[in-house]
Amino acid sequence: MDVRSFVELIAALMMPAGGALVFWERMRSGRGLGARAIQYTAVVIIVPLIIILALEKVLEANIIGTLLGALSGYLLTGISAPEQQSPRGQRAGPGEATASGEIDRSPGD
């Protein structure tokens, strides 16, 4: 088995294993699927897929760069503004008070 095949095999195994692990951890902890869990699941599936397609020369170099740039933008979106929680444990909407009593002044979704 050459190095390329070995890397493709590892990447192919990461996709179902990573997705299953996030769902198992969420079920074990009793939490539902939040935005970060969905982002993690998407990354665990998309990054190995990009690696496999790049190694098989299905994707050109400029397409790989575009996909990785878009993925980076997707991951870093909203990282500076963590979700604020209301007293009921739900995300505070515009104009609603958070658990600390602060008013959420951000624009609505």
PDB file of N, CA and C in Angstrom:
ATOM      1  N   MET A   1       0.855  -1.175   0.000  1.00  0.00           N
ATOM      2  CA  MET A   1       0.000   0.000   0.000  1.00  0.00           C
ATOM      3  C   MET A   1       0.902   1.239   0.000  1.00  0.00           C
ATOM      4  N   ASP A   2       0.683   2.110  -0.969  1.00  0.00           N
ATOM      5  CA  ASP A   2       1.479   3.325  -1.037  1.00  0.00           C
ATOM      6  C   ASP A   2       0.925   4.389  -0.081  1.00  0.00           C
ATOM      7  N   VAL A   3       1.660   5.473   0.068  1.00  0.00           N
ATOM      8  CA  VAL A   3       1.300   6.522   1.024  1.00  0.00           C
ATOM      9  C   VAL A   3      -0.033   7.161   0.659  1.00  0.00           C
ATOM     10  N   ARG A   4      -0.265   7.417  -0.615  1.00  0.00           N
ATOM     11  CA  ARG A   4      -1.514   8.047  -1.047  1.00  0.00           C
ATOM     12  C   ARG A   4      -2.724   7.192  -0.659  1.00  0.00           C
ATOM     13  N   SER A   5      -2.642   5.910  -0.888  1.00  0.00           N
ATOM     14  CA  SER A   5      -3.748   5.012  -0.539  1.00  0.00           C
ATOM     15  C   SER A   5      -3.966   4.974   0.971  1.00  0.00           C
ATOM     16  N   PHE A   6      -2.857   4.993   1.732  1.00  0.00           N
ATOM     17  CA  PHE A   6      -2.964   4.980   3.186  1.00  0.00           C
ATOM     18  C   PHE A   6      -3.649   6.250   3.695  1.00  0.00           C
ATOM     19  N   VAL A   7      -3.266   7.405   3.153  1.00  0.00           N
ATOM     20  CA  VAL A   7      -3.885   8.675   3.556  1.00  0.00           C
ATOM     21  C   VAL A   7      -5.365   8.687   3.174  1.00  0.00           C
ATOM     22  N   GLU A   8      -5.699   8.194   2.003  1.00  0.00           N
ATOM     23  CA  GLU A   8      -7.097   8.132   1.581  1.00  0.00           C
ATOM     24  C   GLU A   8      -7.910   7.211   2.480  1.00  0.00           C
ATOM     25  N   LEU A   9      -7.326   6.088   2.879  1.00  0.00           N
ATOM     26  CA  LEU A   9      -8.020   5.167   3.773  1.00  0.00           C
ATOM     27  C   LEU A   9      -8.293   5.814   5.127  1.00  0.00           C
ATOM     28  N   ILE A  10      -7.301   6.475   5.690  1.00  0.00           N
ATOM     29  CA  ILE A  10      -7.482   7.163   6.977  1.00  0.00           C
ATOM     30  C   ILE A  10      -8.549   8.251   6.856  1.00  0.00           C
ATOM     31  N   ALA A  11      -8.497   9.030   5.766  1.00  0.00           N
ATOM     32  CA  ALA A  11      -9.486  10.091   5.548  1.00  0.00           C
ATOM     33  C   ALA A  11     -10.890   9.506   5.405  1.00  0.00           C
ATOM     34  N   ALA A  12     -10.996   8.395   4.682  1.00  0.00           N
ATOM     35  CA  ALA A  12     -12.307   7.764   4.493  1.00  0.00           C
ATOM     36  C   ALA A  12     -12.859   7.216   5.809  1.00  0.00           C
ATOM     37  N   LEU A  13     -11.985   6.718   6.675  1.00  0.00           N
ATOM     38  CA  LEU A  13     -12.439   6.205   7.974  1.00  0.00           C
ATOM     39  C   LEU A  13     -12.802   7.325   8.945  1.00  0.00           C
ATOM     40  N   MET A  14     -12.190   8.500   8.768  1.00  0.00           N
ATOM     41  CA  MET A  14     -12.484   9.636   9.654  1.00  0.00           C
ATOM     42  C   MET A  14     -13.905  10.140   9.496  1.00  0.00           C
ATOM     43  N   MET A  15     -14.449  10.057   8.306  1.00  0.00           N
ATOM     44  CA  MET A  15     -15.784  10.618   8.056  1.00  0.00           C
ATOM     45  C   MET A  15     -16.867   9.937   8.897  1.00  0.00           C
ATOM     46  N   PRO A  16     -17.075   8.639   8.781  1.00  0.00           N
ATOM     47  CA  PRO A  16     -18.132   8.036   9.609  1.00  0.00           C
ATOM     48  C   PRO A  16     -17.764   8.001  11.095  1.00  0.00           C
ATOM     49  N   ALA A  17     -16.478   7.813  11.403  1.00  0.00           N
ATOM     50  CA  ALA A  17     -16.077   7.744  12.809  1.00  0.00           C
ATOM     51  C   ALA A  17     -16.284   9.084  13.507  1.00  0.00           C
ATOM     52  N   GLY A  18     -15.889  10.174  12.862  1.00  0.00           N
ATOM     53  CA  GLY A  18     -16.066  11.503  13.463  1.00  0.00           C
ATOM     54  C   GLY A  18     -17.522  11.869  13.632  1.00  0.00           C
ATOM     55  N   GLY A  19     -18.332  11.581  12.625  1.00  0.00           N
ATOM     56  CA  GLY A  19     -19.768  11.855  12.733  1.00  0.00           C
ATOM     57  C   GLY A  19     -20.424  11.036  13.823  1.00  0.00           C
ATOM     58  N   ALA A  20     -20.054   9.760  13.911  1.00  0.00           N
ATOM     59  CA  ALA A  20     -20.628   8.898  14.952  1.00  0.00           C
ATOM     60  C   ALA A  20     -20.196   9.349  16.346  1.00  0.00           C
ATOM     61  N   LEU A  21     -18.949   9.782  16.474  1.00  0.00           N
ATOM     62  CA  LEU A  21     -18.466  10.228  17.788  1.00  0.00           C
ATOM     63  C   LEU A  21     -19.197  11.465  18.285  1.00  0.00           C
ATOM     64  N   VAL A  22     -19.470  12.416  17.405  1.00  0.00           N
ATOM     65  CA  VAL A  22     -20.175  13.618  17.857  1.00  0.00           C
ATOM     66  C   VAL A  22     -21.601  13.274  18.273  1.00  0.00           C
ATOM     67  N   PHE A  23     -22.268  12.401  17.531  1.00  0.00           N
ATOM     68  CA  PHE A  23     -23.621  12.010  17.917  1.00  0.00           C
ATOM     69  C   PHE A  23     -23.610  11.199  19.207  1.00  0.00           C
ATOM     70  N   TRP A  24     -22.655  10.326  19.377  1.00  0.00           N
ATOM     71  CA  TRP A  24     -22.554   9.532  20.610  1.00  0.00           C
ATOM     72  C   TRP A  24     -22.310  10.438  21.813  1.00  0.00           C
ATOM     73  N   GLU A  25     -21.403  11.406  21.674  1.00  0.00           N
ATOM     74  CA  GLU A  25     -21.105  12.315  22.781  1.00  0.00           C
ATOM     75  C   GLU A  25     -22.326  13.153  23.138  1.00  0.00           C
ATOM     76  N   ARG A  26     -23.069  13.604  22.152  1.00  0.00           N
ATOM     77  CA  ARG A  26     -24.272  14.404  22.415  1.00  0.00           C
ATOM     78  C   ARG A  26     -25.360  13.570  23.094  1.00  0.00           C
ATOM     79  N   MET A  27     -25.522  12.338  22.672  1.00  0.00           N
ATOM     80  CA  MET A  27     -26.519  11.467  23.304  1.00  0.00           C
ATOM     81  C   MET A  27     -26.101  11.105  24.734  1.00  0.00           C
ATOM     82  N   ARG A  28     -24.811  10.836  24.926  1.00  0.00           N
ATOM     83  CA  ARG A  28     -24.301  10.482  26.249  1.00  0.00           C
ATOM     84  C   ARG A  28     -24.467  11.632  27.231  1.00  0.00           C
ATOM     85  N   SER A  29     -24.217  12.856  26.774  1.00  0.00           N
ATOM     86  CA  SER A  29     -24.301  14.006  27.673  1.00  0.00           C
ATOM     87  C   SER A  29     -25.723  14.543  27.794  1.00  0.00           C
ATOM     88  N   GLY A  30     -26.632  14.059  26.975  1.00  0.00           N
ATOM     89  CA  GLY A  30     -28.022  14.496  27.055  1.00  0.00           C
ATOM     90  C   GLY A  30     -28.273  15.841  26.389  1.00  0.00           C
ATOM     91  N   ARG A  31     -27.319  16.320  25.616  1.00  0.00           N
ATOM     92  CA  ARG A  31     -27.494  17.593  24.922  1.00  0.00           C
ATOM     93  C   ARG A  31     -27.934  17.335  23.488  1.00  0.00           C
ATOM     94  N   GLY A  32     -28.617  18.291  22.925  1.00  0.00           N
ATOM     95  CA  GLY A  32     -29.038  18.173  21.537  1.00  0.00           C
ATOM     96  C   GLY A  32     -27.947  18.648  20.602  1.00  0.00           C
ATOM     97  N   LEU A  33     -28.255  18.641  19.331  1.00  0.00           N
ATOM     98  CA  LEU A  33     -27.298  19.103  18.339  1.00  0.00           C
ATOM     99  C   LEU A  33     -27.376  20.615  18.228  1.00  0.00           C
ATOM    100  N   GLY A  34     -26.303  21.280  18.621  1.00  0.00           N
ATOM    101  CA  GLY A  34     -26.218  22.725  18.506  1.00  0.00           C
ATOM    102  C   GLY A  34     -25.465  23.120  17.252  1.00  0.00           C
ATOM    103  N   ALA A  35     -25.268  24.407  17.093  1.00  0.00           N
ATOM    104  CA  ALA A  35     -24.588  24.926  15.911  1.00  0.00           C
ATOM    105  C   ALA A  35     -23.155  24.419  15.829  1.00  0.00           C
ATOM    106  N   ARG A  36     -22.447  24.375  16.953  1.00  0.00           N
ATOM    107  CA  ARG A  36     -21.050  23.924  16.941  1.00  0.00           C
ATOM    108  C   ARG A  36     -20.943  22.433  16.616  1.00  0.00           C
ATOM    109  N   ALA A  37     -21.880  21.629  17.085  1.00  0.00           N
ATOM    110  CA  ALA A  37     -21.854  20.199  16.776  1.00  0.00           C
ATOM    111  C   ALA A  37     -22.102  19.967  15.295  1.00  0.00           C
ATOM    112  N   ILE A  38     -22.979  20.759  14.716  1.00  0.00           N
ATOM    113  CA  ILE A  38     -23.251  20.634  13.290  1.00  0.00           C
ATOM    114  C   ILE A  38     -22.035  21.089  12.486  1.00  0.00           C
ATOM    115  N   GLN A  39     -21.380  22.174  12.932  1.00  0.00           N
ATOM    116  CA  GLN A  39     -20.162  22.621  12.261  1.00  0.00           C
ATOM    117  C   GLN A  39     -19.085  21.547  12.332  1.00  0.00           C
ATOM    118  N   TYR A  40     -18.911  20.955  13.498  1.00  0.00           N
ATOM    119  CA  TYR A  40     -17.900  19.909  13.658  1.00  0.00           C
ATOM    120  C   TYR A  40     -18.193  18.732  12.723  1.00  0.00           C
ATOM    121  N   THR A  41     -19.445  18.320  12.674  1.00  0.00           N
ATOM    122  CA  THR A  41     -19.821  17.197  11.813  1.00  0.00           C
ATOM    123  C   THR A  41     -19.549  17.522  10.342  1.00  0.00           C
ATOM    124  N   ALA A  42     -19.863  18.744   9.939  1.00  0.00           N
ATOM    125  CA  ALA A  42     -19.606  19.151   8.552  1.00  0.00           C
ATOM    126  C   ALA A  42     -18.117  19.121   8.238  1.00  0.00           C
ATOM    127  N   VAL A  43     -17.302  19.608   9.164  1.00  0.00           N
ATOM    128  CA  VAL A  43     -15.854  19.626   8.944  1.00  0.00           C
ATOM    129  C   VAL A  43     -15.299  18.214   8.875  1.00  0.00           C
ATOM    130  N   VAL A  44     -15.781  17.336   9.748  1.00  0.00           N
ATOM    131  CA  VAL A  44     -15.290  15.954   9.780  1.00  0.00           C
ATOM    132  C   VAL A  44     -15.625  15.227   8.481  1.00  0.00           C
ATOM    133  N   ILE A  45     -16.665  15.653   7.814  1.00  0.00           N
ATOM    134  CA  ILE A  45     -17.029  15.024   6.548  1.00  0.00           C
ATOM    135  C   ILE A  45     -16.375  15.731   5.361  1.00  0.00           C
ATOM    136  N   ILE A  46     -16.348  17.055   5.367  1.00  0.00           N
ATOM    137  CA  ILE A  46     -15.884  17.809   4.206  1.00  0.00           C
ATOM    138  C   ILE A  46     -14.361  17.767   4.040  1.00  0.00           C
ATOM    139  N   VAL A  47     -13.601  17.940   5.134  1.00  0.00           N
ATOM    140  CA  VAL A  47     -12.137  17.981   5.010  1.00  0.00           C
ATOM    141  C   VAL A  47     -11.577  16.663   4.461  1.00  0.00           C
ATOM    142  N   PRO A  48     -11.941  15.504   5.013  1.00  0.00           N
ATOM    143  CA  PRO A  48     -11.427  14.263   4.413  1.00  0.00           C
ATOM    144  C   PRO A  48     -11.873  14.080   2.958  1.00  0.00           C
ATOM    145  N   LEU A  49     -13.079  14.528   2.646  1.00  0.00           N
ATOM    146  CA  LEU A  49     -13.560  14.428   1.271  1.00  0.00           C
ATOM    147  C   LEU A  49     -12.701  15.277   0.335  1.00  0.00           C
ATOM    148  N   ILE A  50     -12.361  16.489   0.749  1.00  0.00           N
ATOM    149  CA  ILE A  50     -11.486  17.344  -0.054  1.00  0.00           C
ATOM    150  C   ILE A  50     -10.118  16.686  -0.222  1.00  0.00           C
ATOM    151  N   ILE A  51      -9.597  16.097   0.858  1.00  0.00           N
ATOM    152  CA  ILE A  51      -8.288  15.424   0.787  1.00  0.00           C
ATOM    153  C   ILE A  51      -8.326  14.275  -0.214  1.00  0.00           C
ATOM    154  N   ILE A  52      -9.356  13.452  -0.133  1.00  0.00           N
ATOM    155  CA  ILE A  52      -9.465  12.303  -1.043  1.00  0.00           C
ATOM    156  C   ILE A  52      -9.585  12.767  -2.494  1.00  0.00           C
ATOM    157  N   LEU A  53     -10.454  13.736  -2.746  1.00  0.00           N
ATOM    158  CA  LEU A  53     -10.632  14.218  -4.118  1.00  0.00           C
ATOM    159  C   LEU A  53      -9.372  14.895  -4.654  1.00  0.00           C
ATOM    160  N   ALA A  54      -8.626  15.568  -3.775  1.00  0.00           N
ATOM    161  CA  ALA A  54      -7.371  16.202  -4.200  1.00  0.00           C
ATOM    162  C   ALA A  54      -6.320  15.154  -4.541  1.00  0.00           C
ATOM    163  N   LEU A  55      -6.217  14.115  -3.714  1.00  0.00           N
ATOM    164  CA  LEU A  55      -5.232  13.065  -3.974  1.00  0.00           C
ATOM    165  C   LEU A  55      -5.557  12.268  -5.234  1.00  0.00           C
ATOM    166  N   GLU A  56      -6.814  12.136  -5.543  1.00  0.00           N
ATOM    167  CA  GLU A  56      -7.238  11.426  -6.751  1.00  0.00           C
ATOM    168  C   GLU A  56      -7.196  12.332  -7.985  1.00  0.00           C
ATOM    169  N   LYS A  57      -6.797  13.589  -7.790  1.00  0.00           N
ATOM    170  CA  LYS A  57      -6.683  14.587  -8.857  1.00  0.00           C
ATOM    171  C   LYS A  57      -8.018  14.862  -9.546  1.00  0.00           C
ATOM    172  N   VAL A  58      -9.096  14.760  -8.776  1.00  0.00           N
ATOM    173  CA  VAL A  58     -10.416  15.127  -9.278  1.00  0.00           C
ATOM    174  C   VAL A  58     -10.591  16.636  -9.189  1.00  0.00           C
ATOM    175  N   LEU A  59      -9.992  17.237  -8.155  1.00  0.00           N
ATOM    176  CA  LEU A  59     -10.063  18.686  -7.956  1.00  0.00           C
ATOM    177  C   LEU A  59      -8.749  19.336  -8.380  1.00  0.00           C
ATOM    178  N   GLU A  60      -8.864  20.492  -9.014  1.00  0.00           N
ATOM    179  CA  GLU A  60      -7.680  21.261  -9.377  1.00  0.00           C
ATOM    180  C   GLU A  60      -7.222  22.084  -8.171  1.00  0.00           C
ATOM    181  N   ALA A  61      -5.988  22.566  -8.217  1.00  0.00           N
ATOM    182  CA  ALA A  61      -5.407  23.300  -7.091  1.00  0.00           C
ATOM    183  C   ALA A  61      -6.214  24.543  -6.730  1.00  0.00           C
ATOM    184  N   ASN A  62      -6.697  25.285  -7.726  1.00  0.00           N
ATOM    185  CA  ASN A  62      -7.459  26.498  -7.411  1.00  0.00           C
ATOM    186  C   ASN A  62      -8.811  26.168  -6.774  1.00  0.00           C
ATOM    187  N   ILE A  63      -9.401  25.062  -7.130  1.00  0.00           N
ATOM    188  CA  ILE A  63     -10.667  24.639  -6.525  1.00  0.00           C
ATOM    189  C   ILE A  63     -10.434  24.221  -5.072  1.00  0.00           C
ATOM    190  N   ILE A  64      -9.334  23.534  -4.811  1.00  0.00           N
ATOM    191  CA  ILE A  64      -9.010  23.112  -3.445  1.00  0.00           C
ATOM    192  C   ILE A  64      -8.828  24.331  -2.554  1.00  0.00           C
ATOM    193  N   GLY A  65      -8.103  25.327  -3.056  1.00  0.00           N
ATOM    194  CA  GLY A  65      -7.909  26.560  -2.292  1.00  0.00           C
ATOM    195  C   GLY A  65      -9.223  27.271  -2.006  1.00  0.00           C
ATOM    196  N   THR A  66     -10.100  27.305  -2.997  1.00  0.00           N
ATOM    197  CA  THR A  66     -11.407  27.939  -2.815  1.00  0.00           C
ATOM    198  C   THR A  66     -12.229  27.197  -1.767  1.00  0.00           C
ATOM    199  N   LEU A  67     -12.257  25.880  -1.840  1.00  0.00           N
ATOM    200  CA  LEU A  67     -13.025  25.087  -0.871  1.00  0.00           C
ATOM    201  C   LEU A  67     -12.482  25.244   0.549  1.00  0.00           C
ATOM    202  N   LEU A  68     -11.160  25.212   0.688  1.00  0.00           N
ATOM    203  CA  LEU A  68     -10.572  25.369   2.024  1.00  0.00           C
ATOM    204  C   LEU A  68     -10.791  26.780   2.561  1.00  0.00           C
ATOM    205  N   GLY A  69     -10.753  27.785   1.701  1.00  0.00           N
ATOM    206  CA  GLY A  69     -11.037  29.156   2.126  1.00  0.00           C
ATOM    207  C   GLY A  69     -12.484  29.320   2.562  1.00  0.00           C
ATOM    208  N   ALA A  70     -13.398  28.746   1.808  1.00  0.00           N
ATOM    209  CA  ALA A  70     -14.815  28.813   2.177  1.00  0.00           C
ATOM    210  C   ALA A  70     -15.068  28.076   3.490  1.00  0.00           C
ATOM    211  N   LEU A  71     -14.424  26.943   3.662  1.00  0.00           N
ATOM    212  CA  LEU A  71     -14.575  26.177   4.902  1.00  0.00           C
ATOM    213  C   LEU A  71     -14.029  26.956   6.093  1.00  0.00           C
ATOM    214  N   SER A  72     -12.890  27.617   5.903  1.00  0.00           N
ATOM    215  CA  SER A  72     -12.321  28.429   6.978  1.00  0.00           C
ATOM    216  C   SER A  72     -13.255  29.573   7.348  1.00  0.00           C
ATOM    217  N   GLY A  73     -13.817  30.232   6.361  1.00  0.00           N
ATOM    218  CA  GLY A  73     -14.773  31.305   6.627  1.00  0.00           C
ATOM    219  C   GLY A  73     -15.996  30.804   7.369  1.00  0.00           C
ATOM    220  N   TYR A  74     -16.483  29.636   6.981  1.00  0.00           N
ATOM    221  CA  TYR A  74     -17.638  29.039   7.645  1.00  0.00           C
ATOM    222  C   TYR A  74     -17.338  28.740   9.109  1.00  0.00           C
ATOM    223  N   LEU A  75     -16.146  28.215   9.371  1.00  0.00           N
ATOM    224  CA  LEU A  75     -15.781  27.853  10.736  1.00  0.00           C
ATOM    225  C   LEU A  75     -15.559  29.064  11.621  1.00  0.00           C
ATOM    226  N   LEU A  76     -15.004  30.108  11.063  1.00  0.00           N
ATOM    227  CA  LEU A  76     -14.663  31.277  11.866  1.00  0.00           C
ATOM    228  C   LEU A  76     -15.804  32.271  11.992  1.00  0.00           C
ATOM    229  N   THR A  77     -16.898  32.046  11.301  1.00  0.00           N
ATOM    230  CA  THR A  77     -18.053  32.931  11.407  1.00  0.00           C
ATOM    231  C   THR A  77     -18.648  32.849  12.809  1.00  0.00           C
ATOM    232  N   GLY A  78     -18.802  33.981  13.434  1.00  0.00           N
ATOM    233  CA  GLY A  78     -19.435  34.028  14.749  1.00  0.00           C
ATOM    234  C   GLY A  78     -18.564  33.583  15.900  1.00  0.00           C
ATOM    235  N   ILE A  79     -17.273  33.393  15.666  1.00  0.00           N
ATOM    236  CA  ILE A  79     -16.417  32.910  16.747  1.00  0.00           C
ATOM    237  C   ILE A  79     -16.172  34.003  17.795  1.00  0.00           C
ATOM    238  N   SER A  80     -16.271  35.277  17.392  1.00  0.00           N
ATOM    239  CA  SER A  80     -16.019  36.361  18.344  1.00  0.00           C
ATOM    240  C   SER A  80     -17.249  36.693  19.174  1.00  0.00           C
ATOM    241  N   ALA A  81     -18.420  36.232  18.768  1.00  0.00           N
ATOM    242  CA  ALA A  81     -19.655  36.537  19.487  1.00  0.00           C
ATOM    243  C   ALA A  81     -20.298  35.247  19.961  1.00  0.00           C
ATOM    244  N   PRO A  82     -19.890  34.739  21.127  1.00  0.00           N
ATOM    245  CA  PRO A  82     -20.522  33.504  21.615  1.00  0.00           C
ATOM    246  C   PRO A  82     -21.996  33.729  21.912  1.00  0.00           C
ATOM    247  N   GLU A  83     -22.762  32.672  21.800  1.00  0.00           N
ATOM    248  CA  GLU A  83     -24.196  32.774  22.049  1.00  0.00           C
ATOM    249  C   GLU A  83     -24.451  33.133  23.505  1.00  0.00           C
ATOM    250  N   GLN A  84     -25.363  34.075  23.712  1.00  0.00           N
ATOM    251  CA  GLN A  84     -25.748  34.458  25.060  1.00  0.00           C
ATOM    252  C   GLN A  84     -26.980  33.651  25.447  1.00  0.00           C
ATOM    253  N   GLN A  85     -27.035  33.249  26.687  1.00  0.00           N
ATOM    254  CA  GLN A  85     -28.138  32.425  27.155  1.00  0.00           C
ATOM    255  C   GLN A  85     -29.115  33.246  27.979  1.00  0.00           C
ATOM    256  N   SER A  86     -30.389  33.039  27.754  1.00  0.00           N
ATOM    257  CA  SER A  86     -31.410  33.679  28.570  1.00  0.00           C
ATOM    258  C   SER A  86     -31.609  32.841  29.831  1.00  0.00           C
ATOM    259  N   PRO A  87     -32.352  33.340  30.827  1.00  0.00           N
ATOM    260  CA  PRO A  87     -32.553  32.565  32.055  1.00  0.00           C
ATOM    261  C   PRO A  87     -33.178  31.197  31.823  1.00  0.00           C
ATOM    262  N   ARG A  88     -33.949  31.030  30.766  1.00  0.00           N
ATOM    263  CA  ARG A  88     -34.580  29.741  30.479  1.00  0.00           C
ATOM    264  C   ARG A  88     -33.634  28.805  29.746  1.00  0.00           C
ATOM    265  N   GLY A  89     -32.404  29.251  29.449  1.00  0.00           N
ATOM    266  CA  GLY A  89     -31.456  28.411  28.747  1.00  0.00           C
ATOM    267  C   GLY A  89     -31.554  28.519  27.239  1.00  0.00           C
ATOM    268  N   GLN A  90     -32.410  29.439  26.762  1.00  0.00           N
ATOM    269  CA  GLN A  90     -32.539  29.636  25.330  1.00  0.00           C
ATOM    270  C   GLN A  90     -31.712  30.840  24.932  1.00  0.00           C
ATOM    271  N   ARG A  91     -31.359  30.892  23.670  1.00  0.00           N
ATOM    272  CA  ARG A  91     -30.578  32.017  23.174  1.00  0.00           C
ATOM    273  C   ARG A  91     -31.417  33.281  23.258  1.00  0.00           C
ATOM    274  N   ALA A  92     -30.819  34.349  23.778  1.00  0.00           N
ATOM    275  CA  ALA A  92     -31.526  35.615  23.906  1.00  0.00           C
ATOM    276  C   ALA A  92     -31.686  36.244  22.534  1.00  0.00           C
ATOM    277  N   GLY A  93     -32.885  36.709  22.243  1.00  0.00           N
ATOM    278  CA  GLY A  93     -33.143  37.378  20.981  1.00  0.00           C
ATOM    279  C   GLY A  93     -32.855  38.860  21.106  1.00  0.00           C
ATOM    280  N   PRO A  94     -32.977  39.594  20.014  1.00  0.00           N
ATOM    281  CA  PRO A  94     -32.726  41.028  20.059  1.00  0.00           C
ATOM    282  C   PRO A  94     -33.658  41.720  21.052  1.00  0.00           C
ATOM    283  N   GLY A  95     -33.094  42.493  21.949  1.00  0.00           N
ATOM    284  CA  GLY A  95     -33.876  43.229  22.934  1.00  0.00           C
ATOM    285  C   GLY A  95     -34.249  42.433  24.163  1.00  0.00           C
ATOM    286  N   GLU A  96     -33.933  41.150  24.229  1.00  0.00           N
ATOM    287  CA  GLU A  96     -34.252  40.325  25.391  1.00  0.00           C
ATOM    288  C   GLU A  96     -33.084  40.320  26.369  1.00  0.00           C
ATOM    289  N   ALA A  97     -33.387  40.131  27.634  1.00  0.00           N
ATOM    290  CA  ALA A  97     -32.343  40.084  28.660  1.00  0.00           C
ATOM    291  C   ALA A  97     -31.704  38.695  28.682  1.00  0.00           C
ATOM    292  N   THR A  98     -30.389  38.665  28.897  1.00  0.00           N
ATOM    293  CA  THR A  98     -29.676  37.404  29.035  1.00  0.00           C
ATOM    294  C   THR A  98     -29.675  36.998  30.500  1.00  0.00           C
ATOM    295  N   ALA A  99     -29.033  35.872  30.821  1.00  0.00           N
ATOM    296  CA  ALA A  99     -28.978  35.382  32.194  1.00  0.00           C
ATOM    297  C   ALA A  99     -28.309  36.393  33.116  1.00  0.00           C
ATOM    298  N   SER A 100     -27.373  37.183  32.577  1.00  0.00           N
ATOM    299  CA  SER A 100     -26.685  38.170  33.412  1.00  0.00           C
ATOM    300  C   SER A 100     -27.448  39.480  33.493  1.00  0.00           C
ATOM    301  N   GLY A 101     -28.588  39.568  32.824  1.00  0.00           N
ATOM    302  CA  GLY A 101     -29.400  40.773  32.874  1.00  0.00           C
ATOM    303  C   GLY A 101     -29.079  41.768  31.771  1.00  0.00           C
ATOM    304  N   GLU A 102     -28.108  41.457  30.919  1.00  0.00           N
ATOM    305  CA  GLU A 102     -27.738  42.364  29.840  1.00  0.00           C
ATOM    306  C   GLU A 102     -28.755  42.230  28.700  1.00  0.00           C
ATOM    307  N   ILE A 103     -28.986  43.326  28.000  1.00  0.00           N
ATOM    308  CA  ILE A 103     -29.889  43.322  26.861  1.00  0.00           C
ATOM    309  C   ILE A 103     -29.098  43.002  25.600  1.00  0.00           C
ATOM    310  N   ASP A 104     -29.593  42.048  24.829  1.00  0.00           N
ATOM    311  CA  ASP A 104     -28.953  41.688  23.568  1.00  0.00           C
ATOM    312  C   ASP A 104     -29.318  42.744  22.542  1.00  0.00           C
ATOM    313  N   ARG A 105     -28.341  43.523  22.107  1.00  0.00           N
ATOM    314  CA  ARG A 105     -28.571  44.588  21.163  1.00  0.00           C
ATOM    315  C   ARG A 105     -28.126  44.237  19.747  1.00  0.00           C
ATOM    316  N   SER A 106     -27.808  42.964  19.520  1.00  0.00           N
ATOM    317  CA  SER A 106     -27.369  42.539  18.192  1.00  0.00           C
ATOM    318  C   SER A 106     -28.575  42.461  17.263  1.00  0.00           C
ATOM    319  N   PRO A 107     -28.345  42.634  15.953  1.00  0.00           N
ATOM    320  CA  PRO A 107     -29.470  42.525  15.005  1.00  0.00           C
ATOM    321  C   PRO A 107     -30.015  41.111  14.985  1.00  0.00           C
ATOM    322  N   GLY A 108     -31.284  40.978  14.674  1.00  0.00           N
ATOM    323  CA  GLY A 108     -31.935  39.666  14.646  1.00  0.00           C
ATOM    324  C   GLY A 108     -31.389  38.791  13.542  1.00  0.00           C
ATOM    325  N   ASP A 109     -31.681  37.475  13.609  1.00  0.00           N
ATOM    326  CA  ASP A 109     -31.187  36.515  12.611  1.00  0.00           C
ATOM    327  C   ASP A 109     -31.934  36.622  11.330  1.00  0.00           C
TER     328      ASP A 109
END
